[in-house]
Each structure stands twice: as structure tokens, then as C-alpha cells.
Amino acid sequence: MSDARTGGTHAYTVRVAEDPADREACFAVRKEVFVREQGVPEDLEYDAYDAGAVHVLAIREDGVPLGAGRLLYGPEVAGEKTGGDPSVGSLGRLAVTREARGLGVGVALVRAIEEAARARGLAAVDLHAQTQALGFYERLGYEAYGPEDIEAGIPHRSMRRSL
């Protein structure tokens, strides 16, 4: 999957991170946004799920990474991340660099993750959104459910969208 888009003065591509360099670019975006900007401890940001996740990268035409996200799916994540339902994937770690916010990068990443979920036969996608991002996900068709909780010191809420 590769999708070319234009944001600001640069074009960017959204693609599944197939090689180690792309995966490292995804991790660099996450470190910039979650660890440096939001103060999430680095040991909480990276987890055992990263190894089996489908990582998606938004990268500018000049090679600068703009955003990243991941899809978790399968029986190994169905219990904890999707309420026990193996037909539901888990969208997570969606991050867009400060310079790329407002350019449609987040929307493009969510849609690419949903496409990856469909390609794997999943029926829905769950996510655990920071409460300040609920409106963003609602505009993309996600519905909140369950109580608000705290993750890494930040209020979150569960959301789901059928595919």
C-alpha cells in the first residue's frame, strides 16, 4: 500500500513500513511525539506488541517522517486489546509530528490502518484515544464506549469503528 498526498509545500506518502528503515522512522516519530512532547516514559511507549504489529508510516518526499501508527490483530492481542474478539484489530500509537499537523496526515494514517485491517479480514477496529483526540476519531466514524481511564498519565477512552 502506498498513497501519495500533498500537504503544505511537500508531497508525502503513506505506506506500510515493510523494511527496518521504515520501522525505525515510525519509532522516531513516536519518540518525538509521545516521549518528548507528551512526556510518556520511553519504557511504556515501546512494548512487546511492536514486533508483530503492522506499522504504517507517512513520509515526506524528501524522506522526512511525518507520522506513524500501528495495527495489532490476531489471537495474541484479541484478549487484551480487542475485548477477546479476533475479528477486531487495534489501532494504536498514532502520532503526527508538530510540523505535519493540520495537513491530513492523521486521517491518511487512520485510513491506511483501516485498509490494512480490511486486507487481513478484520470486521472492525478498536482504539484507545486520548480524550483530547475524541473529536478527531468521531469525525472518522469511531464511536466511544466504556469509561474514561488513565494510561501513561493521560486520560483515554475506548472507541470502535466497523469496517
N, C-alpha and C. Protein backbone atom coordinates (compact mmCIF):
# COMPACT_ATOMS: atom_id res chain seq x y z
N MET A 1 0.83 -1.16 0.00
CA MET A 1 0.00 0.00 0.00
C MET A 1 0.88 1.23 0.00
N SER A 2 0.60 2.13 -0.87
CA SER A 2 1.31 3.40 -0.92
C SER A 2 0.33 4.43 -1.45
N ASP A 3 0.27 5.57 -0.81
CA ASP A 3 -0.69 6.58 -1.17
C ASP A 3 0.01 7.92 -1.15
N ALA A 4 0.15 8.58 -2.30
CA ALA A 4 0.80 9.88 -2.36
C ALA A 4 -0.23 10.98 -2.12
N ARG A 5 0.13 11.94 -1.29
CA ARG A 5 -0.75 13.05 -0.95
C ARG A 5 0.09 14.32 -0.91
N THR A 6 -0.60 15.46 -0.89
CA THR A 6 0.09 16.73 -0.78
C THR A 6 -0.34 17.41 0.50
N GLY A 7 0.64 17.87 1.26
CA GLY A 7 0.38 18.60 2.49
C GLY A 7 1.35 19.75 2.59
N GLY A 8 0.84 20.96 2.67
CA GLY A 8 1.73 22.13 2.71
C GLY A 8 2.47 22.24 1.39
N THR A 9 3.78 22.44 1.46
CA THR A 9 4.57 22.60 0.24
C THR A 9 5.23 21.30 -0.20
N HIS A 10 5.00 20.22 0.54
CA HIS A 10 5.64 18.94 0.22
C HIS A 10 4.59 17.85 0.03
N ALA A 11 4.87 16.96 -0.89
CA ALA A 11 4.05 15.77 -1.04
C ALA A 11 4.53 14.74 -0.02
N TYR A 12 3.62 13.87 0.38
CA TYR A 12 4.01 12.80 1.29
C TYR A 12 3.33 11.51 0.87
N THR A 13 3.90 10.42 1.31
CA THR A 13 3.39 9.09 1.01
C THR A 13 3.05 8.40 2.31
N VAL A 14 1.98 7.63 2.29
CA VAL A 14 1.60 6.80 3.42
C VAL A 14 1.72 5.36 2.97
N ARG A 15 2.47 4.57 3.74
CA ARG A 15 2.70 3.18 3.34
C ARG A 15 2.93 2.30 4.57
N VAL A 16 2.71 1.01 4.35
CA VAL A 16 3.06 0.04 5.38
C VAL A 16 4.57 0.01 5.48
N ALA A 17 5.08 0.03 6.70
CA ALA A 17 6.52 0.02 6.94
C ALA A 17 7.03 -1.40 6.75
N GLU A 18 7.55 -1.68 5.57
CA GLU A 18 7.98 -3.04 5.22
C GLU A 18 9.43 -3.34 5.59
N ASP A 19 10.25 -2.31 5.67
CA ASP A 19 11.68 -2.57 5.92
C ASP A 19 12.12 -1.94 7.24
N PRO A 20 13.29 -2.35 7.73
CA PRO A 20 13.78 -1.83 9.03
C PRO A 20 13.90 -0.31 9.08
N ALA A 21 14.28 0.33 7.99
CA ALA A 21 14.42 1.78 7.99
C ALA A 21 13.07 2.46 8.20
N ASP A 22 12.03 1.94 7.55
CA ASP A 22 10.69 2.50 7.75
C ASP A 22 10.21 2.29 9.19
N ARG A 23 10.46 1.13 9.74
CA ARG A 23 10.06 0.86 11.12
C ARG A 23 10.79 1.80 12.09
N GLU A 24 12.07 2.03 11.84
CA GLU A 24 12.82 2.96 12.69
C GLU A 24 12.27 4.38 12.57
N ALA A 25 11.84 4.76 11.36
CA ALA A 25 11.23 6.07 11.17
C ALA A 25 9.93 6.17 11.98
N CYS A 26 9.15 5.10 12.00
CA CYS A 26 7.93 5.06 12.82
C CYS A 26 8.27 5.27 14.29
N PHE A 27 9.27 4.56 14.77
CA PHE A 27 9.66 4.68 16.18
C PHE A 27 10.19 6.08 16.49
N ALA A 28 10.87 6.69 15.54
CA ALA A 28 11.39 8.05 15.75
C ALA A 28 10.25 9.05 15.89
N VAL A 29 9.21 8.90 15.08
CA VAL A 29 8.04 9.78 15.19
C VAL A 29 7.39 9.60 16.55
N ARG A 30 7.20 8.35 16.95
CA ARG A 30 6.59 8.08 18.25
C ARG A 30 7.40 8.68 19.39
N LYS A 31 8.72 8.57 19.29
CA LYS A 31 9.57 9.13 20.35
C LYS A 31 9.42 10.65 20.40
N GLU A 32 9.41 11.28 19.24
CA GLU A 32 9.26 12.74 19.19
C GLU A 32 7.94 13.18 19.81
N VAL A 33 6.85 12.53 19.40
CA VAL A 33 5.52 12.96 19.82
C VAL A 33 5.18 12.51 21.24
N PHE A 34 5.30 11.22 21.50
CA PHE A 34 4.84 10.71 22.79
C PHE A 34 5.86 10.93 23.91
N VAL A 35 7.12 10.63 23.66
CA VAL A 35 8.12 10.71 24.72
C VAL A 35 8.53 12.17 24.95
N ARG A 36 8.94 12.85 23.89
CA ARG A 36 9.45 14.22 24.07
C ARG A 36 8.32 15.23 24.32
N GLU A 37 7.29 15.23 23.47
CA GLU A 37 6.23 16.23 23.60
C GLU A 37 5.30 15.96 24.77
N GLN A 38 4.86 14.70 24.91
CA GLN A 38 3.82 14.39 25.89
C GLN A 38 4.37 13.82 27.19
N GLY A 39 5.65 13.52 27.24
CA GLY A 39 6.26 13.06 28.47
C GLY A 39 5.94 11.62 28.85
N VAL A 40 5.55 10.80 27.88
CA VAL A 40 5.31 9.38 28.14
C VAL A 40 6.66 8.71 28.38
N PRO A 41 6.80 7.96 29.46
CA PRO A 41 8.08 7.27 29.68
C PRO A 41 8.40 6.32 28.52
N GLU A 42 9.65 6.36 28.09
CA GLU A 42 10.06 5.58 26.92
C GLU A 42 9.80 4.09 27.12
N ASP A 43 9.95 3.59 28.34
CA ASP A 43 9.73 2.17 28.57
C ASP A 43 8.25 1.79 28.46
N LEU A 44 7.35 2.77 28.52
CA LEU A 44 5.92 2.49 28.29
C LEU A 44 5.54 2.63 26.82
N GLU A 45 6.27 3.47 26.10
CA GLU A 45 5.93 3.74 24.70
C GLU A 45 6.17 2.53 23.81
N TYR A 46 7.24 1.82 24.02
CA TYR A 46 7.57 0.67 23.18
C TYR A 46 7.22 -0.58 23.97
N ASP A 47 6.58 -1.54 23.31
CA ASP A 47 6.15 -2.74 24.02
C ASP A 47 6.36 -3.99 23.16
N ALA A 48 6.02 -5.13 23.73
CA ALA A 48 6.21 -6.41 23.04
C ALA A 48 5.35 -6.53 21.80
N TYR A 49 4.26 -5.76 21.72
CA TYR A 49 3.39 -5.82 20.55
C TYR A 49 4.03 -5.24 19.29
N ASP A 50 5.02 -4.36 19.45
CA ASP A 50 5.66 -3.73 18.29
C ASP A 50 6.21 -4.75 17.30
N ALA A 51 6.74 -5.86 17.80
CA ALA A 51 7.39 -6.85 16.92
C ALA A 51 6.40 -7.45 15.92
N GLY A 52 5.16 -7.69 16.32
CA GLY A 52 4.18 -8.32 15.43
C GLY A 52 3.19 -7.37 14.80
N ALA A 53 3.33 -6.08 15.06
CA ALA A 53 2.38 -5.09 14.56
C ALA A 53 2.61 -4.77 13.08
N VAL A 54 1.56 -4.31 12.44
CA VAL A 54 1.66 -3.71 11.11
C VAL A 54 1.87 -2.22 11.37
N HIS A 55 3.05 -1.71 11.03
CA HIS A 55 3.36 -0.30 11.23
C HIS A 55 3.10 0.45 9.93
N VAL A 56 2.53 1.65 10.05
CA VAL A 56 2.21 2.48 8.89
C VAL A 56 2.95 3.81 9.07
N LEU A 57 3.55 4.28 7.99
CA LEU A 57 4.40 5.46 8.01
C LEU A 57 3.92 6.49 7.00
N ALA A 58 3.89 7.75 7.43
CA ALA A 58 3.70 8.87 6.50
C ALA A 58 5.07 9.54 6.38
N ILE A 59 5.53 9.66 5.15
CA ILE A 59 6.88 10.20 4.94
C ILE A 59 6.86 11.22 3.80
N ARG A 60 7.52 12.34 4.03
CA ARG A 60 7.59 13.40 3.04
C ARG A 60 8.46 12.96 1.87
N GLU A 61 8.27 13.58 0.73
CA GLU A 61 9.02 13.22 -0.48
C GLU A 61 10.53 13.34 -0.31
N ASP A 62 10.96 14.19 0.62
CA ASP A 62 12.40 14.34 0.87
C ASP A 62 12.92 13.40 1.96
N GLY A 63 12.07 12.46 2.40
CA GLY A 63 12.49 11.45 3.36
C GLY A 63 12.23 11.77 4.81
N VAL A 64 11.65 12.91 5.11
CA VAL A 64 11.36 13.28 6.49
C VAL A 64 10.07 12.58 6.94
N PRO A 65 10.13 11.78 8.02
CA PRO A 65 8.92 11.12 8.51
C PRO A 65 7.98 12.13 9.16
N LEU A 66 6.68 12.00 8.85
CA LEU A 66 5.68 12.94 9.34
C LEU A 66 4.71 12.31 10.34
N GLY A 67 4.53 11.01 10.25
CA GLY A 67 3.56 10.38 11.14
C GLY A 67 3.69 8.88 11.10
N ALA A 68 3.08 8.24 12.10
CA ALA A 68 3.14 6.79 12.20
C ALA A 68 1.94 6.28 12.98
N GLY A 69 1.67 5.02 12.82
CA GLY A 69 0.64 4.34 13.59
C GLY A 69 0.84 2.85 13.44
N ARG A 70 0.08 2.08 14.21
CA ARG A 70 0.23 0.63 14.10
C ARG A 70 -1.13 -0.06 14.22
N LEU A 71 -1.17 -1.25 13.66
CA LEU A 71 -2.33 -2.13 13.75
C LEU A 71 -1.90 -3.41 14.45
N LEU A 72 -2.62 -3.78 15.50
CA LEU A 72 -2.44 -5.06 16.16
C LEU A 72 -3.64 -5.92 15.82
N TYR A 73 -3.40 -7.21 15.61
CA TYR A 73 -4.50 -8.11 15.32
C TYR A 73 -4.07 -9.54 15.61
N GLY A 74 -5.04 -10.43 15.64
CA GLY A 74 -4.76 -11.83 15.83
C GLY A 74 -5.03 -12.30 17.25
N PRO A 75 -4.97 -13.60 17.45
CA PRO A 75 -5.32 -14.16 18.76
C PRO A 75 -4.42 -13.69 19.90
N GLU A 76 -3.18 -13.35 19.61
CA GLU A 76 -2.27 -12.92 20.67
C GLU A 76 -2.63 -11.55 21.25
N VAL A 77 -3.43 -10.76 20.53
CA VAL A 77 -3.85 -9.45 21.05
C VAL A 77 -5.34 -9.37 21.30
N ALA A 78 -6.09 -10.38 20.88
CA ALA A 78 -7.55 -10.32 20.98
C ALA A 78 -8.03 -10.17 22.42
N GLY A 79 -7.39 -10.79 23.35
CA GLY A 79 -7.84 -10.71 24.73
C GLY A 79 -7.69 -9.32 25.32
N GLU A 80 -6.48 -8.82 25.31
CA GLU A 80 -6.19 -7.56 25.99
C GLU A 80 -6.63 -6.33 25.19
N LYS A 81 -6.43 -6.35 23.90
CA LYS A 81 -6.62 -5.13 23.11
C LYS A 81 -7.99 -5.01 22.45
N THR A 82 -8.70 -6.11 22.23
CA THR A 82 -9.95 -6.03 21.46
C THR A 82 -11.11 -6.72 22.16
N GLY A 83 -11.04 -6.88 23.45
CA GLY A 83 -12.15 -7.47 24.19
C GLY A 83 -12.38 -8.93 23.87
N GLY A 84 -11.36 -9.62 23.40
CA GLY A 84 -11.48 -11.05 23.13
C GLY A 84 -11.96 -11.41 21.74
N ASP A 85 -12.21 -10.42 20.90
CA ASP A 85 -12.75 -10.67 19.57
C ASP A 85 -11.63 -10.67 18.53
N PRO A 86 -11.28 -11.83 17.95
CA PRO A 86 -10.19 -11.87 16.98
C PRO A 86 -10.53 -11.23 15.64
N SER A 87 -11.80 -10.84 15.42
CA SER A 87 -12.15 -10.17 14.17
C SER A 87 -12.00 -8.65 14.28
N VAL A 88 -11.52 -8.19 15.43
CA VAL A 88 -11.33 -6.76 15.66
C VAL A 88 -9.84 -6.46 15.80
N GLY A 89 -9.36 -5.50 15.03
CA GLY A 89 -7.99 -5.05 15.14
C GLY A 89 -7.89 -3.89 16.11
N SER A 90 -6.68 -3.57 16.50
CA SER A 90 -6.45 -2.48 17.43
C SER A 90 -5.52 -1.45 16.79
N LEU A 91 -6.05 -0.26 16.54
CA LEU A 91 -5.27 0.85 16.01
C LEU A 91 -4.60 1.53 17.20
N GLY A 92 -3.31 1.79 17.09
CA GLY A 92 -2.64 2.44 18.21
C GLY A 92 -1.41 3.19 17.81
N ARG A 93 -0.89 3.91 18.78
CA ARG A 93 0.35 4.66 18.64
C ARG A 93 0.32 5.62 17.44
N LEU A 94 -0.87 6.19 17.17
CA LEU A 94 -0.99 7.14 16.08
C LEU A 94 -0.34 8.45 16.50
N ALA A 95 0.65 8.89 15.74
CA ALA A 95 1.40 10.10 16.07
C ALA A 95 1.71 10.87 14.80
N VAL A 96 1.53 12.18 14.87
CA VAL A 96 1.85 13.07 13.76
C VAL A 96 2.76 14.16 14.30
N THR A 97 3.87 14.40 13.61
CA THR A 97 4.82 15.42 14.06
C THR A 97 4.17 16.80 14.07
N ARG A 98 4.67 17.67 14.89
CA ARG A 98 4.12 19.02 15.04
C ARG A 98 4.02 19.72 13.68
N GLU A 99 5.08 19.61 12.86
CA GLU A 99 5.09 20.30 11.56
C GLU A 99 4.05 19.79 10.59
N ALA A 100 3.57 18.56 10.80
CA ALA A 100 2.63 17.96 9.85
C ALA A 100 1.17 18.02 10.30
N ARG A 101 0.92 18.53 11.48
CA ARG A 101 -0.45 18.60 11.98
C ARG A 101 -1.26 19.58 11.14
N GLY A 102 -2.48 19.19 10.84
CA GLY A 102 -3.36 20.03 10.04
C GLY A 102 -3.23 19.80 8.54
N LEU A 103 -2.39 18.86 8.14
CA LEU A 103 -2.17 18.59 6.71
C LEU A 103 -2.91 17.34 6.22
N GLY A 104 -3.67 16.70 7.09
CA GLY A 104 -4.38 15.48 6.70
C GLY A 104 -3.59 14.20 6.92
N VAL A 105 -2.43 14.30 7.55
CA VAL A 105 -1.58 13.13 7.76
C VAL A 105 -2.26 12.13 8.69
N GLY A 106 -2.85 12.61 9.77
CA GLY A 106 -3.53 11.72 10.72
C GLY A 106 -4.66 10.95 10.07
N VAL A 107 -5.47 11.64 9.29
CA VAL A 107 -6.57 10.99 8.58
C VAL A 107 -6.03 9.93 7.62
N ALA A 108 -4.99 10.28 6.87
CA ALA A 108 -4.40 9.33 5.92
C ALA A 108 -3.85 8.10 6.63
N LEU A 109 -3.24 8.29 7.80
CA LEU A 109 -2.72 7.15 8.55
C LEU A 109 -3.85 6.25 9.06
N VAL A 110 -4.90 6.85 9.60
CA VAL A 110 -6.04 6.05 10.08
C VAL A 110 -6.63 5.25 8.93
N ARG A 111 -6.84 5.88 7.80
CA ARG A 111 -7.44 5.17 6.66
C ARG A 111 -6.51 4.06 6.16
N ALA A 112 -5.20 4.28 6.19
CA ALA A 112 -4.26 3.23 5.78
C ALA A 112 -4.29 2.06 6.75
N ILE A 113 -4.42 2.34 8.03
CA ILE A 113 -4.51 1.26 9.03
C ILE A 113 -5.81 0.49 8.84
N GLU A 114 -6.90 1.19 8.57
CA GLU A 114 -8.18 0.52 8.30
C GLU A 114 -8.07 -0.36 7.05
N GLU A 115 -7.38 0.13 6.03
CA GLU A 115 -7.19 -0.66 4.80
C GLU A 115 -6.39 -1.93 5.11
N ALA A 116 -5.36 -1.78 5.94
CA ALA A 116 -4.56 -2.95 6.34
C ALA A 116 -5.42 -3.93 7.13
N ALA A 117 -6.32 -3.42 7.96
CA ALA A 117 -7.22 -4.29 8.73
C ALA A 117 -8.17 -5.04 7.80
N ARG A 118 -8.75 -4.33 6.85
CA ARG A 118 -9.64 -4.99 5.87
C ARG A 118 -8.89 -6.08 5.10
N ALA A 119 -7.67 -5.79 4.69
CA ALA A 119 -6.87 -6.75 3.93
C ALA A 119 -6.59 -8.01 4.74
N ARG A 120 -6.66 -7.92 6.05
CA ARG A 120 -6.43 -9.06 6.93
C ARG A 120 -7.74 -9.70 7.39
N GLY A 121 -8.85 -9.27 6.77
CA GLY A 121 -10.14 -9.88 7.05
C GLY A 121 -10.80 -9.43 8.34
N LEU A 122 -10.36 -8.32 8.91
CA LEU A 122 -10.95 -7.85 10.16
C LEU A 122 -12.27 -7.12 9.90
N ALA A 123 -13.17 -7.19 10.88
CA ALA A 123 -14.50 -6.61 10.74
C ALA A 123 -14.62 -5.22 11.37
N ALA A 124 -13.71 -4.90 12.27
CA ALA A 124 -13.77 -3.62 12.98
C ALA A 124 -12.39 -3.26 13.50
N VAL A 125 -12.26 -2.01 13.91
CA VAL A 125 -11.02 -1.53 14.51
C VAL A 125 -11.37 -0.81 15.81
N ASP A 126 -10.67 -1.20 16.87
CA ASP A 126 -10.77 -0.53 18.17
C ASP A 126 -9.57 0.38 18.34
N LEU A 127 -9.69 1.35 19.22
CA LEU A 127 -8.56 2.17 19.60
C LEU A 127 -8.79 2.71 21.00
N HIS A 128 -7.75 3.18 21.61
CA HIS A 128 -7.79 3.77 22.94
C HIS A 128 -7.30 5.19 22.78
N ALA A 129 -8.23 6.13 22.60
CA ALA A 129 -7.90 7.50 22.23
C ALA A 129 -7.66 8.39 23.44
N GLN A 130 -6.66 9.25 23.32
CA GLN A 130 -6.54 10.33 24.30
C GLN A 130 -7.82 11.15 24.20
N THR A 131 -8.39 11.55 25.33
CA THR A 131 -9.69 12.22 25.30
C THR A 131 -9.64 13.51 24.47
N GLN A 132 -8.50 14.19 24.41
CA GLN A 132 -8.41 15.40 23.59
C GLN A 132 -8.51 15.09 22.10
N ALA A 133 -8.39 13.80 21.71
CA ALA A 133 -8.49 13.41 20.29
C ALA A 133 -9.82 12.75 19.94
N LEU A 134 -10.77 12.71 20.87
CA LEU A 134 -12.05 12.05 20.59
C LEU A 134 -12.74 12.62 19.37
N GLY A 135 -12.77 13.95 19.24
CA GLY A 135 -13.44 14.59 18.11
C GLY A 135 -12.83 14.18 16.78
N PHE A 136 -11.51 14.08 16.73
CA PHE A 136 -10.82 13.65 15.51
C PHE A 136 -11.33 12.28 15.08
N TYR A 137 -11.34 11.32 16.01
CA TYR A 137 -11.77 9.97 15.67
C TYR A 137 -13.27 9.89 15.40
N GLU A 138 -14.07 10.69 16.11
CA GLU A 138 -15.52 10.71 15.83
C GLU A 138 -15.79 11.16 14.40
N ARG A 139 -15.04 12.15 13.92
CA ARG A 139 -15.21 12.62 12.54
C ARG A 139 -14.86 11.52 11.53
N LEU A 140 -14.07 10.54 11.94
CA LEU A 140 -13.68 9.44 11.06
C LEU A 140 -14.58 8.21 11.25
N GLY A 141 -15.65 8.36 12.03
CA GLY A 141 -16.63 7.29 12.17
C GLY A 141 -16.47 6.40 13.39
N TYR A 142 -15.59 6.74 14.31
CA TYR A 142 -15.40 5.95 15.52
C TYR A 142 -16.38 6.39 16.59
N GLU A 143 -16.85 5.43 17.39
CA GLU A 143 -17.78 5.72 18.48
C GLU A 143 -17.14 5.32 19.80
N ALA A 144 -17.22 6.23 20.77
CA ALA A 144 -16.66 5.98 22.09
C ALA A 144 -17.55 5.01 22.87
N TYR A 145 -16.93 4.21 23.73
CA TYR A 145 -17.67 3.33 24.63
C TYR A 145 -16.87 3.13 25.90
N GLY A 146 -17.55 2.75 26.95
CA GLY A 146 -16.89 2.47 28.22
C GLY A 146 -16.44 3.74 28.92
N PRO A 147 -15.91 3.56 30.13
CA PRO A 147 -15.50 4.71 30.94
C PRO A 147 -14.15 5.28 30.50
N GLU A 148 -13.92 6.52 30.89
CA GLU A 148 -12.60 7.13 30.70
C GLU A 148 -11.63 6.49 31.68
N ASP A 149 -10.40 6.28 31.25
CA ASP A 149 -9.37 5.78 32.15
C ASP A 149 -8.06 6.50 31.88
N ILE A 150 -7.09 6.23 32.71
CA ILE A 150 -5.80 6.92 32.59
C ILE A 150 -4.75 5.92 32.11
N GLU A 151 -4.03 6.31 31.06
CA GLU A 151 -2.93 5.50 30.54
C GLU A 151 -1.72 6.42 30.39
N ALA A 152 -0.60 6.04 30.97
CA ALA A 152 0.63 6.84 30.95
C ALA A 152 0.36 8.26 31.44
N GLY A 153 -0.56 8.39 32.42
CA GLY A 153 -0.87 9.69 33.00
C GLY A 153 -1.78 10.56 32.15
N ILE A 154 -2.34 10.01 31.06
CA ILE A 154 -3.16 10.78 30.12
C ILE A 154 -4.55 10.15 30.05
N PRO A 155 -5.64 10.95 30.17
CA PRO A 155 -6.99 10.40 30.06
C PRO A 155 -7.25 9.82 28.66
N HIS A 156 -7.85 8.63 28.63
CA HIS A 156 -8.16 7.92 27.38
C HIS A 156 -9.59 7.40 27.41
N ARG A 157 -10.08 7.06 26.23
CA ARG A 157 -11.40 6.44 26.10
C ARG A 157 -11.33 5.43 24.95
N SER A 158 -12.00 4.30 25.11
CA SER A 158 -12.06 3.29 24.05
C SER A 158 -13.03 3.73 22.98
N MET A 159 -12.71 3.38 21.72
CA MET A 159 -13.55 3.71 20.57
C MET A 159 -13.50 2.54 19.59
N ARG A 160 -14.54 2.45 18.74
CA ARG A 160 -14.59 1.38 17.74
C ARG A 160 -15.26 1.88 16.47
N ARG A 161 -14.81 1.32 15.34
CA ARG A 161 -15.45 1.58 14.04
C ARG A 161 -15.55 0.26 13.29
N SER A 162 -16.76 -0.03 12.81
CA SER A 162 -16.93 -1.21 11.95
C SER A 162 -16.40 -0.88 10.58
N LEU A 163 -15.81 -1.87 9.93
CA LEU A 163 -15.23 -1.66 8.59
C LEU A 163 -16.20 -2.06 7.49
